[in-house]
Amino acid sequence: MKASVVDLRYKMNDILKALERNEEVTVLYHGKVKGVIVPAKKELYKSMVNHPFFGMLSGDNKRSVLDTLSDLRKTRYDNI
């Protein structure tokens, strides 16, 4: 979608609807491109089932919850 500076002022509802449709809005000033408004990225939610802590008490896991959590929260340099 292309919009002039006047459109930004008077037709903001149409511009917001275009952003909801994941369209980029090109802003024009005196017929020249001044910028582009890009829609915000949507949050991607991960499945809880894929988290390593999910179902930790099932099976033969005899470790305590605190030990398992401390292993999950380690920094990458703790293994050295």
Protein backbone atom coordinates (compact mmCIF):
# COMPACT_ATOMS: atom_id res chain seq x y z
CA MET A 1 0.00 0.00 0.00
CA LYS A 2 1.19 3.52 -0.72
CA ALA A 3 0.15 6.41 1.49
CA SER A 4 0.97 10.09 1.46
CA VAL A 5 1.61 12.14 4.57
CA VAL A 6 -1.98 13.42 4.33
CA ASP A 7 -3.23 9.82 4.21
CA LEU A 8 -1.33 9.10 7.41
CA ARG A 9 -3.32 11.85 9.06
CA TYR A 10 -6.78 11.30 7.63
CA LYS A 11 -6.86 7.59 6.72
CA MET A 12 -5.01 6.04 9.63
CA ASN A 13 -7.72 3.38 10.03
CA ASP A 14 -7.09 2.09 6.48
CA ILE A 15 -3.35 2.03 7.10
CA LEU A 16 -3.79 0.05 10.31
CA LYS A 17 -6.02 -2.44 8.48
CA ALA A 18 -3.32 -2.87 5.82
CA LEU A 19 -0.78 -3.58 8.56
CA GLU A 20 -3.17 -6.16 10.05
CA ARG A 21 -3.16 -7.88 6.64
CA ASN A 22 0.67 -7.97 6.86
CA GLU A 23 1.08 -5.42 4.07
CA GLU A 24 3.93 -2.96 4.03
CA VAL A 25 2.90 0.69 3.81
CA THR A 26 5.12 2.97 1.72
CA VAL A 27 5.05 6.60 2.91
CA LEU A 28 5.26 9.22 0.16
CA TYR A 29 6.10 12.90 0.57
CA HIS A 30 5.67 15.04 -2.54
CA GLY A 31 5.54 11.82 -4.56
CA LYS A 32 8.90 10.55 -3.30
CA VAL A 33 9.38 7.59 -0.99
CA LYS A 34 10.30 8.70 2.51
CA GLY A 35 9.98 5.40 4.33
CA VAL A 36 8.24 2.09 4.76
CA ILE A 37 6.06 1.00 7.67
CA VAL A 38 6.49 -2.74 8.21
CA PRO A 39 4.01 -4.83 10.23
CA ALA A 40 5.26 -6.14 13.56
CA LYS A 41 6.26 -9.79 13.69
CA LYS A 42 3.87 -12.07 15.49
CA GLU A 43 5.06 -14.03 18.50
CA LEU A 44 5.66 -17.66 17.73
CA TYR A 45 4.56 -19.84 20.59
CA LYS A 46 6.37 -23.12 21.01
CA SER A 47 4.61 -26.26 22.07
CA MET A 48 4.95 -27.04 25.75
CA VAL A 49 5.33 -30.74 24.92
CA ASN A 50 8.68 -30.04 23.24
CA HIS A 51 10.15 -28.39 26.35
CA PRO A 52 12.78 -30.56 28.07
CA PHE A 53 11.07 -30.17 31.46
CA PHE A 54 7.73 -31.54 30.21
CA GLY A 55 6.97 -34.96 31.67
CA MET A 56 10.18 -35.12 33.71
CA LEU A 57 8.58 -37.19 36.44
CA SER A 58 7.38 -39.91 34.11
CA GLY A 59 9.55 -42.96 33.56
CA ASP A 60 12.65 -43.89 35.54
CA ASN A 61 13.75 -40.35 36.36
CA LYS A 62 14.85 -40.42 40.02
CA ARG A 63 16.41 -36.96 40.12
CA SER A 64 14.85 -34.17 42.15
CA VAL A 65 13.06 -31.27 40.52
CA LEU A 66 15.74 -28.81 41.70
CA ASP A 67 18.56 -30.88 40.15
CA THR A 68 16.75 -31.10 36.84
CA LEU A 69 15.99 -27.37 36.83
CA SER A 70 19.58 -26.48 37.63
CA ASP A 71 20.72 -28.59 34.66
CA LEU A 72 18.25 -26.81 32.38
CA ARG A 73 19.34 -23.36 33.61
CA LYS A 74 23.08 -23.91 33.20
CA THR A 75 25.00 -21.53 31.02
CA ARG A 76 26.88 -22.96 28.09
CA TYR A 77 30.20 -22.66 29.94
CA ASP A 78 29.15 -24.79 32.93
CA ASN A 79 29.94 -27.99 31.02
CA ILE A 80 33.68 -27.23 30.89
